[in-house]
Amino acid sequence: MRLFLIAGEPSGDRLGAALMAGLRQLVPDVTFEGVGGPLMQAQGLASLFPMEELSIFGIAEVLPKYFHLKRRIRQTAEAALARAPAAVITIDSPDFCLRVAAIVKAARPDLRTIHYVAPSVWAWRPGRAAKMARVIDHVLALLPFEPPYMTAAGMSCDFVGHPVVTEALATPEETSLMAGEGPLILTLPGSRKGEVSRLAPVIGQVLAQVKAVHPKARVVLPTVRGVADLVRDLTADWPITPQIIQDPALKRAAFAAADVAIAASGTVSLELAANACPMVIAYDMHPVSLWLMRRAAQIDTVTLVNLVSDTRAVPEFIGERCRADLIAPEVLRLLADGGAQAEAMRITMQRLGAGGEPPGLRAAKSVLSVL
């Protein structure tokens, strides 16, 4: 069996590699071609070109590479058609992947197309599902409530589990690296410059109020290389000097040892739930972006733990509510009662597939059932 896979960024590379490993387990003679990163290449994929060419975000970044990306879309689609695979499997990165799928479907309507990671039509822009159904036959969903949205649009869909359930947790030895006196506060202001710039000053103000109640409180801040210097600048005047870390082992230790987290909105809430770390979600953005988001919103919460557990256990402070005087009391409440969110986090992990078959294997079985 020959399959053509396309991933455009590191998160997709991880999903693709796990899927490939699952497929190899079930169909030992399967072969792979397409576009992927180092993890997929380690599973046997020879990438047409470096995946990093597709890991571009934002209009200002995309525009200079527009014509190059168009050539890569055409090149990838032509390669998929030439290889005549049993299926084309696109992984996240919809701006690139669905354009490739459209060319493939136009030329070969009978060729199976499978997309891994359902678009968040339950949150905003529900019309995306119907548009995707024109070029995609089957969807592999990460969240348990997504399949009905996909099937309503005309695609088949299986929930295959979220990769967070297989991520390594800290060992006791790693967790001990965060030992110390006073409560440990995990701060996660985001991984993009705009997120960090807006949220870091607010977190600093929250910490001033926390320090007044817990003078020995400690702060740890995991970050990534692209914003590390900005993080150091913006946290220089925080009332509690943070321990800024980039090492994966220290990040695992921080998630396991923290007494509470102040985090930007996103999938990080699932990582915190996996570590049973109580959390407060905060996020701010340009007023125009906030207005547009709210006009398009289909839900009353942006926190995945709330959505998956069907609770509103995690407090969130978005837009004009992203204020220290509102956030600090919730942080202090969670420091006093760390078990307040425990049941919602347990339900979340259970519903995402914890303790069951690995998502990569479930995804592989779903692909084979379609074929």
Protein backbone atom coordinates (compact mmCIF):
# COMPACT_ATOMS: atom_id res chain seq x y z
CA MET A 1 0.00 0.00 0.00
CA ARG A 2 1.29 3.46 -0.94
CA LEU A 3 0.10 6.60 0.91
CA PHE A 4 0.85 10.24 0.22
CA LEU A 5 1.07 12.40 3.36
CA ILE A 6 1.44 16.17 3.73
CA ALA A 7 2.32 18.04 6.91
CA GLY A 8 3.24 21.72 7.07
CA GLU A 9 4.39 22.42 10.62
CA PRO A 10 5.95 20.68 13.64
CA SER A 11 2.64 19.73 15.29
CA GLY A 12 1.54 18.09 12.06
CA ASP A 13 4.89 16.32 11.77
CA ARG A 14 4.28 14.76 15.21
CA LEU A 15 0.77 13.65 14.25
CA GLY A 16 1.99 12.29 10.94
CA ALA A 17 4.82 10.31 12.50
CA ALA A 18 2.48 8.69 15.03
CA LEU A 19 0.01 7.83 12.25
CA MET A 20 2.80 6.32 10.15
CA ALA A 21 3.99 4.23 13.07
CA GLY A 22 0.44 2.96 13.59
CA LEU A 23 0.07 2.12 9.92
CA ARG A 24 3.40 0.25 9.90
CA GLN A 25 2.18 -1.79 12.86
CA LEU A 26 -0.98 -2.81 10.99
CA VAL A 27 0.34 -2.97 7.40
CA PRO A 28 4.09 -3.72 7.49
CA ASP A 29 4.60 -3.25 3.75
CA VAL A 30 3.03 0.24 3.62
CA THR A 31 5.14 2.93 1.90
CA PHE A 32 4.97 6.70 2.33
CA GLU A 33 5.67 9.68 0.12
CA GLY A 34 4.88 13.38 0.40
CA VAL A 35 5.96 16.30 2.58
CA GLY A 36 6.95 16.08 6.23
CA GLY A 37 9.47 16.99 8.86
CA PRO A 38 12.17 15.06 10.70
CA LEU A 39 9.79 12.85 12.67
CA MET A 40 7.92 11.69 9.58
CA GLN A 41 11.19 11.25 7.73
CA ALA A 42 12.38 9.00 10.56
CA GLN A 43 9.33 6.83 9.84
CA GLY A 44 10.41 6.43 6.22
CA LEU A 45 9.05 9.43 4.34
CA ALA A 46 11.32 11.11 1.78
CA SER A 47 10.05 14.69 1.79
CA LEU A 48 9.64 16.43 -1.57
CA PHE A 49 11.13 19.59 -0.02
CA PRO A 50 11.85 20.86 3.52
CA MET A 51 8.64 21.12 5.52
CA GLU A 52 9.94 24.31 7.12
CA GLU A 53 9.13 26.17 3.89
CA LEU A 54 5.46 25.83 4.82
CA SER A 55 5.73 26.83 8.51
CA ILE A 56 4.84 30.47 7.85
CA PHE A 57 2.32 32.48 9.87
CA GLY A 58 0.75 35.86 9.27
CA ILE A 59 -0.04 37.89 6.16
CA ALA A 60 3.19 39.89 6.37
CA GLU A 61 5.23 36.68 6.39
CA VAL A 62 3.23 34.90 3.68
CA LEU A 63 3.04 37.69 1.09
CA PRO A 64 6.74 37.70 0.10
CA LYS A 65 6.59 33.91 -0.39
CA TYR A 66 3.17 33.82 -2.08
CA PHE A 67 4.31 32.72 -5.55
CA HIS A 68 6.80 30.24 -4.10
CA LEU A 69 4.04 28.67 -2.00
CA LYS A 70 1.76 28.49 -5.04
CA ARG A 71 4.49 26.56 -6.87
CA ARG A 72 4.87 24.22 -3.91
CA ILE A 73 1.10 23.61 -3.87
CA ARG A 74 1.16 22.70 -7.57
CA GLN A 75 4.32 20.59 -7.20
CA THR A 76 2.85 18.65 -4.26
CA ALA A 77 -0.46 18.01 -6.00
CA GLU A 78 1.28 16.84 -9.19
CA ALA A 79 3.52 14.51 -7.17
CA ALA A 80 0.49 13.04 -5.38
CA LEU A 81 -1.26 12.40 -8.68
CA ALA A 82 1.85 10.90 -10.26
CA ARG A 83 2.39 8.44 -7.39
CA ALA A 84 -1.22 7.13 -7.62
CA PRO A 85 -1.46 6.40 -3.87
CA ALA A 86 -4.32 4.63 -2.13
CA ALA A 87 -5.07 7.93 -0.39
CA VAL A 88 -3.78 11.46 0.09
CA ILE A 89 -3.61 12.29 3.80
CA THR A 90 -3.30 15.99 4.66
CA ILE A 91 -2.39 16.96 8.21
CA ASP A 92 -3.56 20.28 9.67
CA SER A 93 -2.10 23.38 7.83
CA PRO A 94 -5.40 23.86 5.94
CA ASP A 95 -4.27 26.88 3.92
CA PHE A 96 -1.72 24.69 2.13
CA CYS A 97 -3.15 21.21 2.47
CA LEU A 98 -6.70 21.88 1.31
CA ARG A 99 -5.44 23.71 -1.77
CA VAL A 100 -3.44 20.62 -2.66
CA ALA A 101 -6.48 18.43 -2.01
CA ALA A 102 -8.59 20.62 -4.30
CA ILE A 103 -6.20 20.11 -7.22
CA VAL A 104 -6.01 16.37 -6.55
CA LYS A 105 -9.80 15.99 -6.36
CA ALA A 106 -10.35 18.01 -9.53
CA ALA A 107 -8.03 15.67 -11.44
CA ARG A 108 -8.97 12.40 -9.68
CA PRO A 109 -12.40 12.55 -8.00
CA ASP A 110 -12.08 8.86 -7.10
CA LEU A 111 -8.82 9.30 -5.13
CA ARG A 112 -9.49 9.16 -1.40
CA THR A 113 -8.59 12.31 0.54
CA ILE A 114 -8.27 12.24 4.33
CA HIS A 115 -7.63 15.26 6.56
CA TYR A 116 -6.13 14.89 10.05
CA VAL A 117 -7.32 17.59 12.52
CA ALA A 118 -10.85 18.86 12.08
CA PRO A 119 -11.25 22.62 11.63
CA SER A 120 -12.68 24.30 14.74
CA VAL A 121 -16.04 25.02 13.12
CA TRP A 122 -17.66 24.51 16.52
CA ALA A 123 -15.90 27.71 17.61
CA TRP A 124 -16.17 29.99 14.59
CA ARG A 125 -16.76 30.10 10.81
CA PRO A 126 -18.96 26.98 10.58
CA GLY A 127 -19.06 27.32 6.79
CA ARG A 128 -15.50 25.99 6.61
CA ALA A 129 -16.77 22.43 7.04
CA ALA A 130 -18.97 22.57 3.95
CA LYS A 131 -16.13 24.11 1.95
CA MET A 132 -13.75 21.39 3.10
CA ALA A 133 -16.25 18.66 2.21
CA ARG A 134 -15.83 19.55 -1.48
CA VAL A 135 -12.27 18.18 -1.44
CA ILE A 136 -12.05 15.89 1.63
CA ASP A 137 -13.74 12.50 2.05
CA HIS A 138 -12.81 11.59 5.63
CA VAL A 139 -11.62 13.46 8.74
CA LEU A 140 -9.56 12.30 11.72
CA ALA A 141 -10.72 14.41 14.69
CA LEU A 142 -8.74 15.21 17.84
CA LEU A 143 -11.72 16.22 19.98
CA PRO A 144 -14.65 13.95 20.84
CA PHE A 145 -17.41 16.43 19.98
CA GLU A 146 -16.14 17.18 16.45
CA PRO A 147 -17.44 14.24 14.32
CA PRO A 148 -21.09 15.43 14.16
CA TYR A 149 -19.97 18.75 12.66
CA MET A 150 -17.98 16.97 9.97
CA THR A 151 -20.66 14.40 9.09
CA ALA A 152 -23.30 17.13 8.89
CA ALA A 153 -21.16 18.76 6.20
CA GLY A 154 -20.97 15.53 4.18
CA MET A 155 -17.68 13.93 5.28
CA SER A 156 -17.16 10.77 7.29
CA CYS A 157 -15.25 11.36 10.53
CA ASP A 158 -13.73 9.40 13.42
CA PHE A 159 -12.56 10.72 16.76
CA VAL A 160 -9.08 9.22 17.13
CA GLY A 161 -7.88 10.80 20.39
CA HIS A 162 -5.69 13.77 21.19
CA PRO A 163 -1.88 13.47 21.19
CA VAL A 164 -1.71 15.13 24.60
CA VAL A 165 -2.69 11.79 26.17
CA THR A 166 0.59 10.22 25.01
CA GLU A 167 2.96 13.07 25.88
CA ALA A 168 5.60 12.20 28.44
CA LEU A 169 5.01 13.43 31.98
CA ALA A 170 7.76 14.38 34.38
CA THR A 171 9.51 11.65 36.34
CA PRO A 172 9.81 12.10 40.12
CA GLU A 173 13.46 13.00 39.60
CA GLU A 174 12.52 15.72 37.09
CA THR A 175 9.73 17.05 39.29
CA SER A 176 12.17 17.41 42.19
CA LEU A 177 14.07 19.98 40.11
CA MET A 178 11.27 22.43 40.94
CA ALA A 179 11.30 21.79 44.68
CA GLY A 180 11.46 24.86 46.90
CA GLU A 181 9.77 26.89 49.59
CA GLY A 182 6.52 28.66 48.78
CA PRO A 183 3.87 27.99 46.12
CA LEU A 184 5.05 27.56 42.54
CA ILE A 185 3.23 29.60 39.90
CA LEU A 186 3.53 28.53 36.28
CA THR A 187 3.23 31.44 33.84
CA LEU A 188 2.54 30.80 30.15
CA PRO A 189 2.10 34.10 28.29
CA GLY A 190 2.18 32.50 24.84
CA SER A 191 4.63 31.63 22.09
CA ARG A 192 4.05 34.56 19.73
CA LYS A 193 5.43 38.07 20.20
CA GLY A 194 2.00 39.71 20.15
CA GLU A 195 0.65 37.34 22.80
CA VAL A 196 3.63 37.82 25.10
CA SER A 197 3.63 41.61 24.70
CA ARG A 198 -0.02 41.89 25.72
CA LEU A 199 -0.12 39.30 28.48
CA ALA A 200 3.23 39.63 30.28
CA PRO A 201 2.47 43.06 31.86
CA VAL A 202 -0.89 41.79 33.13
CA ILE A 203 0.71 38.70 34.66
CA GLY A 204 3.27 40.92 36.36
CA GLN A 205 0.45 42.89 37.99
CA VAL A 206 -1.24 39.64 39.08
CA LEU A 207 1.99 38.47 40.69
CA ALA A 208 2.21 41.67 42.73
CA GLN A 209 -1.13 40.81 44.34
CA VAL A 210 -0.13 37.17 44.82
CA LYS A 211 3.15 38.16 46.47
CA ALA A 212 1.26 40.29 48.99
CA VAL A 213 -0.49 37.12 50.21
CA HIS A 214 2.32 34.63 49.52
CA PRO A 215 5.65 36.45 50.00
CA LYS A 216 7.64 33.28 49.24
CA ALA A 217 5.83 32.47 46.00
CA ARG A 218 8.04 31.32 43.12
CA VAL A 219 7.46 31.75 39.39
CA VAL A 220 8.57 29.63 36.46
CA LEU A 221 8.09 30.58 32.81
CA PRO A 222 8.67 28.04 30.01
CA THR A 223 9.27 29.73 26.66
CA VAL A 224 10.56 29.10 23.15
CA ARG A 225 13.62 30.42 21.40
CA GLY A 226 11.76 32.85 19.15
CA VAL A 227 10.41 34.96 22.03
CA ALA A 228 12.91 34.21 24.81
CA ASP A 229 14.66 37.60 24.59
CA LEU A 230 11.33 39.44 24.56
CA VAL A 231 10.18 37.44 27.59
CA ARG A 232 13.32 38.42 29.51
CA ASP A 233 12.76 42.10 28.70
CA LEU A 234 9.08 42.09 29.63
CA THR A 235 9.54 40.19 32.90
CA ALA A 236 12.54 42.18 34.15
CA ASP A 237 10.31 44.30 36.39
CA TRP A 238 8.00 41.54 37.62
CA PRO A 239 7.68 41.61 41.44
CA ILE A 240 8.70 37.93 41.51
CA THR A 241 11.66 37.16 39.26
CA PRO A 242 10.68 34.21 37.06
CA GLN A 243 12.83 31.21 36.32
CA ILE A 244 12.79 31.29 32.51
CA ILE A 245 13.30 27.84 31.00
CA GLN A 246 13.53 26.29 27.54
CA ASP A 247 14.74 22.78 28.39
CA PRO A 248 11.98 20.16 27.76
CA ALA A 249 12.77 18.25 30.96
CA LEU A 250 12.46 21.42 33.04
CA LYS A 251 9.20 22.27 31.28
CA ARG A 252 7.79 18.85 32.19
CA ALA A 253 8.95 19.38 35.76
CA ALA A 254 7.29 22.80 35.92
CA PHE A 255 3.96 21.48 34.64
CA ALA A 256 4.05 18.64 37.17
CA ALA A 257 5.15 20.69 40.17
CA ALA A 258 3.19 23.92 39.75
CA ASP A 259 0.44 24.77 42.21
CA VAL A 260 -1.38 26.98 39.71
CA ALA A 261 -0.90 28.22 36.14
CA ILE A 262 -1.71 31.53 34.45
CA ALA A 263 -1.87 30.65 30.77
CA ALA A 264 -2.70 32.13 27.39
CA SER A 265 -5.65 30.52 25.64
CA GLY A 266 -4.88 27.48 23.48
CA THR A 267 -4.08 23.78 23.62
CA VAL A 268 -1.83 24.46 26.61
CA SER A 269 -4.93 24.00 28.79
CA LEU A 270 -4.92 20.33 27.77
CA GLU A 271 -1.26 19.98 28.72
CA LEU A 272 -2.08 21.47 32.10
CA ALA A 273 -5.02 19.09 32.52
CA ALA A 274 -2.75 16.14 31.72
CA ASN A 275 -0.60 17.26 34.65
CA ALA A 276 -3.61 18.01 36.91
CA CYS A 277 -2.40 21.60 37.25
CA PRO A 278 -5.13 24.11 38.22
CA MET A 279 -5.28 27.00 35.77
CA VAL A 280 -6.56 30.44 34.94
CA ILE A 281 -6.82 31.34 31.24
CA ALA A 282 -6.12 34.91 30.08
CA TYR A 283 -5.89 36.38 26.60
CA ASP A 284 -5.97 39.78 24.98
CA MET A 285 -5.82 40.95 21.37
CA HIS A 286 -6.37 44.00 19.24
CA PRO A 287 -9.90 45.40 19.82
CA VAL A 288 -10.82 44.95 16.15
CA SER A 289 -9.66 41.31 16.18
CA LEU A 290 -11.59 40.75 19.40
CA TRP A 291 -14.76 42.25 17.90
CA LEU A 292 -14.47 40.11 14.77
CA MET A 293 -13.85 36.97 16.83
CA ARG A 294 -16.88 37.58 19.01
CA ARG A 295 -19.10 38.23 16.01
CA ALA A 296 -18.09 34.88 14.54
CA ALA A 297 -18.02 32.90 17.81
CA GLN A 298 -20.29 29.88 18.22
CA ILE A 299 -19.35 29.16 21.85
CA ASP A 300 -19.29 30.89 25.23
CA THR A 301 -15.85 29.64 26.29
CA VAL A 302 -12.51 29.34 24.49
CA THR A 303 -10.92 26.92 26.95
CA LEU A 304 -10.68 23.36 25.67
CA VAL A 305 -10.89 21.85 29.16
CA ASN A 306 -14.27 23.55 29.60
CA LEU A 307 -15.46 22.40 26.19
CA VAL A 308 -14.32 18.78 26.44
CA SER A 309 -15.50 18.31 30.03
CA ASP A 310 -18.75 20.19 29.31
CA THR A 311 -18.16 22.34 32.38
CA ARG A 312 -17.04 25.89 32.98
CA ALA A 313 -14.59 24.92 35.71
CA VAL A 314 -11.66 26.91 34.31
CA PRO A 315 -12.05 30.69 34.70
CA GLU A 316 -11.07 32.72 31.66
CA PHE A 317 -10.37 36.41 31.22
CA ILE A 318 -10.56 37.49 27.59
CA GLY A 319 -10.25 40.95 26.03
CA GLU A 320 -11.40 43.73 28.30
CA ARG A 321 -11.63 41.24 31.21
CA CYS A 322 -7.93 40.43 30.94
CA ARG A 323 -7.19 42.52 34.01
CA ALA A 324 -5.07 41.83 37.06
CA ASP A 325 -7.78 42.88 39.52
CA LEU A 326 -10.04 40.14 38.11
CA ILE A 327 -7.41 37.45 37.55
CA ALA A 328 -5.54 37.68 40.87
CA PRO A 329 -8.50 36.67 43.10
CA GLU A 330 -8.98 33.50 41.02
CA VAL A 331 -5.29 32.64 41.25
CA LEU A 332 -5.41 33.08 45.02
CA ARG A 333 -8.59 30.99 45.23
CA LEU A 334 -6.93 28.14 43.35
CA LEU A 335 -3.85 28.35 45.58
CA ALA A 336 -6.19 27.90 48.54
CA ASP A 337 -8.23 25.09 46.91
CA GLY A 338 -6.11 23.30 44.33
CA GLY A 339 -8.68 20.54 43.81
CA ALA A 340 -11.43 22.79 42.50
CA GLN A 341 -10.81 21.79 38.86
CA ALA A 342 -9.68 18.20 39.43
CA GLU A 343 -12.87 16.51 38.22
CA ALA A 344 -13.10 18.61 35.04
CA MET A 345 -9.47 17.81 34.20
CA ARG A 346 -10.02 14.09 34.87
CA ILE A 347 -13.08 14.02 32.59
CA THR A 348 -11.15 15.91 29.91
CA MET A 349 -8.30 13.44 29.79
CA GLN A 350 -10.65 10.46 29.85
CA ARG A 351 -12.66 11.86 26.93
CA LEU A 352 -9.50 12.63 24.96
CA GLY A 353 -8.51 8.96 25.10
CA ALA A 354 -6.21 8.62 28.11
CA GLY A 355 -5.64 4.98 29.00
CA GLY A 356 -6.86 3.72 25.62
CA GLU A 357 -5.15 2.93 22.35
CA PRO A 358 -2.57 5.53 21.26
CA PRO A 359 -4.08 8.16 18.94
CA GLY A 360 -1.63 7.27 16.17
CA LEU A 361 -2.86 3.67 16.14
CA ARG A 362 -6.50 4.75 16.31
CA ALA A 363 -5.88 7.12 13.40
CA ALA A 364 -4.25 4.31 11.42
CA LYS A 365 -7.25 2.04 11.98
CA SER A 366 -9.55 4.82 10.86
CA VAL A 367 -7.58 5.33 7.66
CA LEU A 368 -7.65 1.63 6.88
CA SER A 369 -11.39 1.41 7.55
CA VAL A 370 -11.96 4.12 4.94
CA LEU A 371 -9.79 2.34 2.39
